[in-house]
């Protein structure tokens, strides 16, 4: 039984959808950073918080030199 008005229900669904996309894009950014040699966990946490910004930053990162 749905007790919420339809407008609130749609807004909650939209929020969850946008939050999912935010986390997905951030996770893709973390994968890109990990493939370039950076710490996967650090970039995953940054990606979940930063979303699209993290994705754009990882695209501009250079390959990490091997020691």
C-alpha atoms as a PDB file:
ATOM      1  CA  UNK A   1       0.000   0.000   0.000  1.00  0.00           C
ATOM      2  CA  UNK A   2       1.481   3.299  -1.121  1.00  0.00           C
ATOM      3  CA  UNK A   3       0.648   6.154   1.264  1.00  0.00           C
ATOM      4  CA  UNK A   4       2.879   8.745  -0.396  1.00  0.00           C
ATOM      5  CA  UNK A   5       1.426  11.183  -2.925  1.00  0.00           C
ATOM      6  CA  UNK A   6       2.423  10.372  -6.498  1.00  0.00           C
ATOM      7  CA  UNK A   7       4.644  13.488  -6.828  1.00  0.00           C
ATOM      8  CA  UNK A   8       6.762  12.525  -3.824  1.00  0.00           C
ATOM      9  CA  UNK A   9       6.971   8.925  -5.016  1.00  0.00           C
ATOM     10  CA  UNK A  10       8.260  10.040  -8.431  1.00  0.00           C
ATOM     11  CA  UNK A  11      10.769  12.406  -6.838  1.00  0.00           C
ATOM     12  CA  UNK A  12      12.127   9.625  -4.655  1.00  0.00           C
ATOM     13  CA  UNK A  13      12.459   7.340  -7.679  1.00  0.00           C
ATOM     14  CA  UNK A  14      14.236  10.102  -9.606  1.00  0.00           C
ATOM     15  CA  UNK A  15      16.574  10.715  -6.670  1.00  0.00           C
ATOM     16  CA  UNK A  16      17.504   7.018  -6.467  1.00  0.00           C
ATOM     17  CA  UNK A  17      18.052   6.854 -10.220  1.00  0.00           C
ATOM     18  CA  UNK A  18      20.320   9.911 -10.243  1.00  0.00           C
ATOM     19  CA  UNK A  19      22.181   8.645  -7.164  1.00  0.00           C
ATOM     20  CA  UNK A  20      22.742   5.303  -8.911  1.00  0.00           C
ATOM     21  CA  UNK A  21      24.137   7.066 -12.000  1.00  0.00           C
ATOM     22  CA  UNK A  22      26.357   9.244  -9.790  1.00  0.00           C
ATOM     23  CA  UNK A  23      27.860   6.164  -8.100  1.00  0.00           C
ATOM     24  CA  UNK A  24      28.159   4.255 -11.385  1.00  0.00           C
ATOM     25  CA  UNK A  25      30.057   7.068 -13.105  1.00  0.00           C
ATOM     26  CA  UNK A  26      32.314   7.447 -10.053  1.00  0.00           C
ATOM     27  CA  UNK A  27      33.008   3.704 -10.044  1.00  0.00           C
ATOM     28  CA  UNK A  28      33.929   3.805 -13.726  1.00  0.00           C
ATOM     29  CA  UNK A  29      36.327   6.644 -12.901  1.00  0.00           C
ATOM     30  CA  UNK A  30      37.866   4.456 -10.181  1.00  0.00           C
ATOM     31  CA  UNK A  31      38.380   1.643 -12.699  1.00  0.00           C
ATOM     32  CA  UNK A  32      40.086   4.038 -15.097  1.00  0.00           C
ATOM     33  CA  UNK A  33      42.395   5.278 -12.317  1.00  0.00           C
ATOM     34  CA  UNK A  34      43.195   1.690 -11.268  1.00  0.00           C
ATOM     35  CA  UNK A  35      44.086   0.807 -14.863  1.00  0.00           C
ATOM     36  CA  UNK A  36      46.459   3.761 -14.890  1.00  0.00           C
ATOM     37  CA  UNK A  37      48.240   2.409 -11.807  1.00  0.00           C
ATOM     38  CA  UNK A  38      46.606   4.357  -8.979  1.00  0.00           C
ATOM     39  CA  UNK A  39      45.146   2.958  -5.749  1.00  0.00           C
ATOM     40  CA  UNK A  40      41.775   1.380  -6.529  1.00  0.00           C
ATOM     41  CA  UNK A  41      40.217   1.791  -3.060  1.00  0.00           C
ATOM     42  CA  UNK A  42      41.125   5.463  -2.745  1.00  0.00           C
ATOM     43  CA  UNK A  43      39.700   6.250  -6.151  1.00  0.00           C
ATOM     44  CA  UNK A  44      36.578   4.184  -5.488  1.00  0.00           C
ATOM     45  CA  UNK A  45      35.868   6.213  -2.356  1.00  0.00           C
ATOM     46  CA  UNK A  46      36.531   9.433  -4.241  1.00  0.00           C
ATOM     47  CA  UNK A  47      34.364   8.206  -7.096  1.00  0.00           C
ATOM     48  CA  UNK A  48      31.417   7.416  -4.855  1.00  0.00           C
ATOM     49  CA  UNK A  49      31.659  10.869  -3.316  1.00  0.00           C
ATOM     50  CA  UNK A  50      32.662  12.858  -6.389  1.00  0.00           C
ATOM     51  CA  UNK A  51      30.804  11.063  -9.165  1.00  0.00           C
ATOM     52  CA  UNK A  52      31.185  12.827 -12.494  1.00  0.00           C
ATOM     53  CA  UNK A  53      33.969  15.105 -11.248  1.00  0.00           C
ATOM     54  CA  UNK A  54      36.073  12.076 -10.329  1.00  0.00           C
ATOM     55  CA  UNK A  55      35.413  10.566 -13.744  1.00  0.00           C
ATOM     56  CA  UNK A  56      36.621  13.718 -15.510  1.00  0.00           C
ATOM     57  CA  UNK A  57      39.725  13.951 -13.295  1.00  0.00           C
ATOM     58  CA  UNK A  58      40.696  10.338 -13.964  1.00  0.00           C
ATOM     59  CA  UNK A  59      40.457  10.927 -17.696  1.00  0.00           C
ATOM     60  CA  UNK A  60      43.113  13.633 -17.360  1.00  0.00           C
ATOM     61  CA  UNK A  61      45.486  11.566 -15.178  1.00  0.00           C
ATOM     62  CA  UNK A  62      48.757  10.396 -16.654  1.00  0.00           C
ATOM     63  CA  UNK A  63      49.874   6.802 -16.390  1.00  0.00           C
ATOM     64  CA  UNK A  64      51.564   6.280 -13.016  1.00  0.00           C
ATOM     65  CA  UNK A  65      55.232   5.392 -13.528  1.00  0.00           C
ATOM     66  CA  UNK A  66      56.311   1.927 -12.409  1.00  0.00           C
ATOM     67  CA  UNK A  67      58.929   1.868  -9.642  1.00  0.00           C
END
